[in-house]
Protein backbone atom coordinates (compact mmCIF):
# COMPACT_ATOMS: atom_id res chain seq x y z
CA UNK A 1 17.75 -14.31 17.89
CA UNK A 2 15.23 -13.03 15.65
CA UNK A 3 11.76 -12.28 16.86
CA UNK A 4 9.27 -14.78 15.92
CA UNK A 5 6.11 -13.50 13.90
CA UNK A 6 4.00 -14.19 16.84
CA UNK A 7 5.92 -12.56 19.52
CA UNK A 8 6.04 -9.01 16.71
CA UNK A 9 2.84 -9.27 16.14
CA UNK A 10 1.62 -9.31 19.89
CA UNK A 11 4.20 -6.32 20.48
CA UNK A 12 2.56 -4.47 17.66
CA UNK A 13 -1.00 -4.81 18.76
CA UNK A 14 -0.17 -2.62 21.48
CA UNK A 15 0.40 0.04 19.71
CA UNK A 16 -3.00 1.85 18.61
CA UNK A 17 -3.55 2.78 15.44
CA UNK A 18 -6.22 4.92 13.19
CA UNK A 19 -7.70 2.50 10.28
CA UNK A 20 -7.99 3.98 7.08
CA UNK A 21 -9.49 2.93 3.54
CA UNK A 22 -7.11 3.40 0.53
CA UNK A 23 -8.60 3.78 -2.45
CA UNK A 24 -7.86 3.60 -6.25
CA UNK A 25 -8.79 2.41 -9.91
CA UNK A 26 -7.97 -1.23 -10.99
CA UNK A 27 -6.82 -1.83 -14.76
CA UNK A 28 -9.69 -1.77 -15.91
CA UNK A 29 -11.12 1.14 -14.48
CA UNK A 30 -13.60 -0.06 -11.76
CA UNK A 31 -13.21 1.39 -7.99
CA UNK A 32 -11.52 -0.37 -5.28
CA UNK A 33 -10.33 -0.21 -2.10
CA UNK A 34 -8.19 -1.92 0.96
CA UNK A 35 -8.19 -2.10 4.56
CA UNK A 36 -4.70 0.02 5.36
CA UNK A 37 -3.31 0.52 9.66
CA UNK A 38 0.18 1.06 8.18
CA UNK A 39 0.25 4.98 6.68
CA UNK A 40 1.71 8.40 8.57
CA UNK A 41 3.16 11.23 7.82
CA UNK A 42 6.78 11.64 6.35
CA UNK A 43 6.49 15.49 5.90
CA UNK A 44 5.42 19.06 5.82
CA UNK A 45 7.28 19.97 3.55
CA UNK A 46 6.25 19.22 1.07
CA UNK A 47 3.16 17.52 2.28
CA UNK A 48 4.08 13.82 1.96
CA UNK A 49 2.73 10.87 3.53
CA UNK A 50 3.46 7.09 3.27
CA UNK A 51 1.16 3.81 3.34
CA UNK A 52 2.03 0.38 3.51
CA UNK A 53 0.41 -2.59 0.84
CA UNK A 54 0.57 -5.70 0.93
CA UNK A 55 2.50 -7.27 -2.24
CA UNK A 56 -0.60 -9.58 -2.55
CA UNK A 57 -2.84 -7.43 -2.40
CA UNK A 58 -5.06 -6.71 -5.53
CA UNK A 59 -4.55 -3.15 -5.14
CA UNK A 60 -1.03 -3.40 -4.67
CA UNK A 61 0.07 -3.27 -8.42
CA UNK A 62 -2.40 -0.65 -9.92
CA UNK A 63 -0.81 1.69 -6.55
CA UNK A 64 3.37 0.51 -7.08
CA UNK A 65 3.06 1.43 -10.49
CA UNK A 66 2.68 4.99 -10.04
CA UNK A 67 -1.54 5.73 -9.53
CA UNK A 68 -3.30 8.36 -7.61
CA UNK A 69 -4.72 7.15 -4.62
CA UNK A 70 -6.58 8.39 -1.76
CA UNK A 71 -6.85 7.91 2.07
CA UNK A 72 -9.75 7.92 3.47
CA UNK A 73 -9.46 8.10 7.53
CA UNK A 74 -12.22 5.85 9.04
CA UNK A 75 -14.68 7.81 12.09
CA UNK A 76 -15.96 5.88 14.90
CA UNK A 77 -19.04 4.50 13.43
CA UNK A 78 -17.62 3.12 10.54
CA UNK A 79 -16.71 -0.21 11.45
CA UNK A 80 -18.40 -2.27 8.95
CA UNK A 81 -16.29 -0.26 5.59
CA UNK A 82 -13.02 -1.48 7.80
CA UNK A 83 -14.49 -4.88 7.74
CA UNK A 84 -15.77 -4.75 3.27
CA UNK A 85 -12.52 -3.41 2.49
CA UNK A 86 -10.63 -5.61 4.34
CA UNK A 87 -12.29 -8.74 2.37
CA UNK A 88 -11.88 -10.02 -0.55
CA UNK A 89 -15.36 -9.12 -2.08
CA UNK A 90 -15.14 -8.29 -5.60
CA UNK A 91 -18.09 -5.87 -4.75
CA UNK A 92 -16.76 -3.64 -2.61
CA UNK A 93 -18.38 -0.70 -3.49
CA UNK A 94 -22.23 -1.81 -3.20
CA UNK A 95 -24.13 0.79 -1.24
CA UNK A 96 -21.35 2.41 -0.08
CA UNK A 97 -21.45 6.45 -0.39
CA UNK A 98 -18.83 7.80 -2.29
CA UNK A 99 -17.74 10.51 -4.73
CA UNK A 100 -15.15 10.50 -6.80
CA UNK A 101 -12.45 13.63 -6.84
CA UNK A 102 -11.86 16.40 -9.93
CA UNK A 103 -8.53 13.60 -10.02
CA UNK A 104 -10.22 11.59 -10.29
CA UNK A 105 -9.43 9.30 -6.90
CA UNK A 106 -12.43 7.76 -4.77
CA UNK A 107 -13.47 9.80 -1.47
CA UNK A 108 -15.70 8.03 0.86
CA UNK A 109 -18.61 9.73 2.68
CA UNK A 110 -18.70 10.30 5.66
CA UNK A 111 -15.34 9.49 6.66
CA UNK A 112 -13.14 11.68 9.22
CA UNK A 113 -10.50 12.63 6.48
CA UNK A 114 -9.43 12.21 3.10
CA UNK A 115 -5.98 12.55 1.88
CA UNK A 116 -5.74 12.46 -1.95
CA UNK A 117 -2.15 11.66 -2.81
CA UNK A 118 -0.11 11.29 -6.18
CA UNK A 119 2.59 8.80 -6.60
CA UNK A 120 6.20 9.72 -5.37
CA UNK A 121 8.64 6.51 -4.73
CA UNK A 122 8.12 2.99 -3.98
CA UNK A 123 10.65 0.99 -2.03
CA UNK A 124 10.68 -2.26 -1.09
CA UNK A 125 9.18 -3.46 2.89
CA UNK A 126 9.93 -7.47 3.40
CA UNK A 127 6.35 -9.15 2.00
CA UNK A 128 4.94 -5.49 2.04
CA UNK A 129 5.79 -2.41 -0.37
CA UNK A 130 6.01 1.34 1.04
CA UNK A 131 4.19 3.89 -1.38
CA UNK A 132 5.05 7.28 -0.61
CA UNK A 133 2.20 10.08 -1.98
CA UNK A 134 2.36 13.71 -1.76
CA UNK A 135 -0.73 15.30 -0.85
CA UNK A 136 -2.73 17.07 -3.18
CA UNK A 137 -6.29 17.73 -1.49
CA UNK A 138 -8.06 17.02 1.65
CA UNK A 139 -11.14 16.97 3.47
CA UNK A 140 -11.89 16.46 6.99
CA UNK A 141 -15.47 15.90 8.70
CA UNK A 142 -15.42 16.56 12.88
CA UNK A 143 -15.62 13.18 14.34
CA UNK A 144 -13.85 10.44 16.87
CA UNK A 145 -11.64 8.02 15.14
CA UNK A 146 -11.98 3.73 14.63
CA UNK A 147 -9.17 2.60 15.91
CA UNK A 148 -7.55 -0.96 16.02
CA UNK A 149 -5.58 -2.04 19.29
CA UNK A 150 -4.66 -5.55 20.31
CA UNK A 151 -6.12 -6.99 17.53
CA UNK A 152 -10.00 -5.45 17.90
CA UNK A 153 -11.23 -2.23 17.28
CA UNK A 154 -11.52 0.36 19.75
CA UNK A 155 -12.79 3.79 19.80
CA UNK A 156 -11.65 6.84 21.90
CA UNK A 157 -14.06 7.06 25.95
């Protein structure tokens, strides 16, 4: 018998994960972002990562069609950014500091790290699409991470 959605969600809630904002550009060129916890490294040689994006998300199609993207790993004091980019607000970047890299991706200010990627491949994954990116550039800032655990935000002690 398959595991039910609620049971599965409860089990996954016991896995602490970092919180990231994936940023890219919409077809009209405006920057957009989405809060993501489904992120991991795939390979060191070549440097590959993957993200999982809900097929209903407005950033799904630009990302799944082969666009460059950045993974902004949030620091402990950036819960507000996580909440902002988890919403469907049309003006997500109002008052948010960011820079545009030489390759055109959006790097949020003061994040724990940024990983800039070029699209490699996509795979179906239930109600999500698994997107693999090759790491092209990074930036690291020393701070504590923002975590998600048991349905809420958490921080390292």
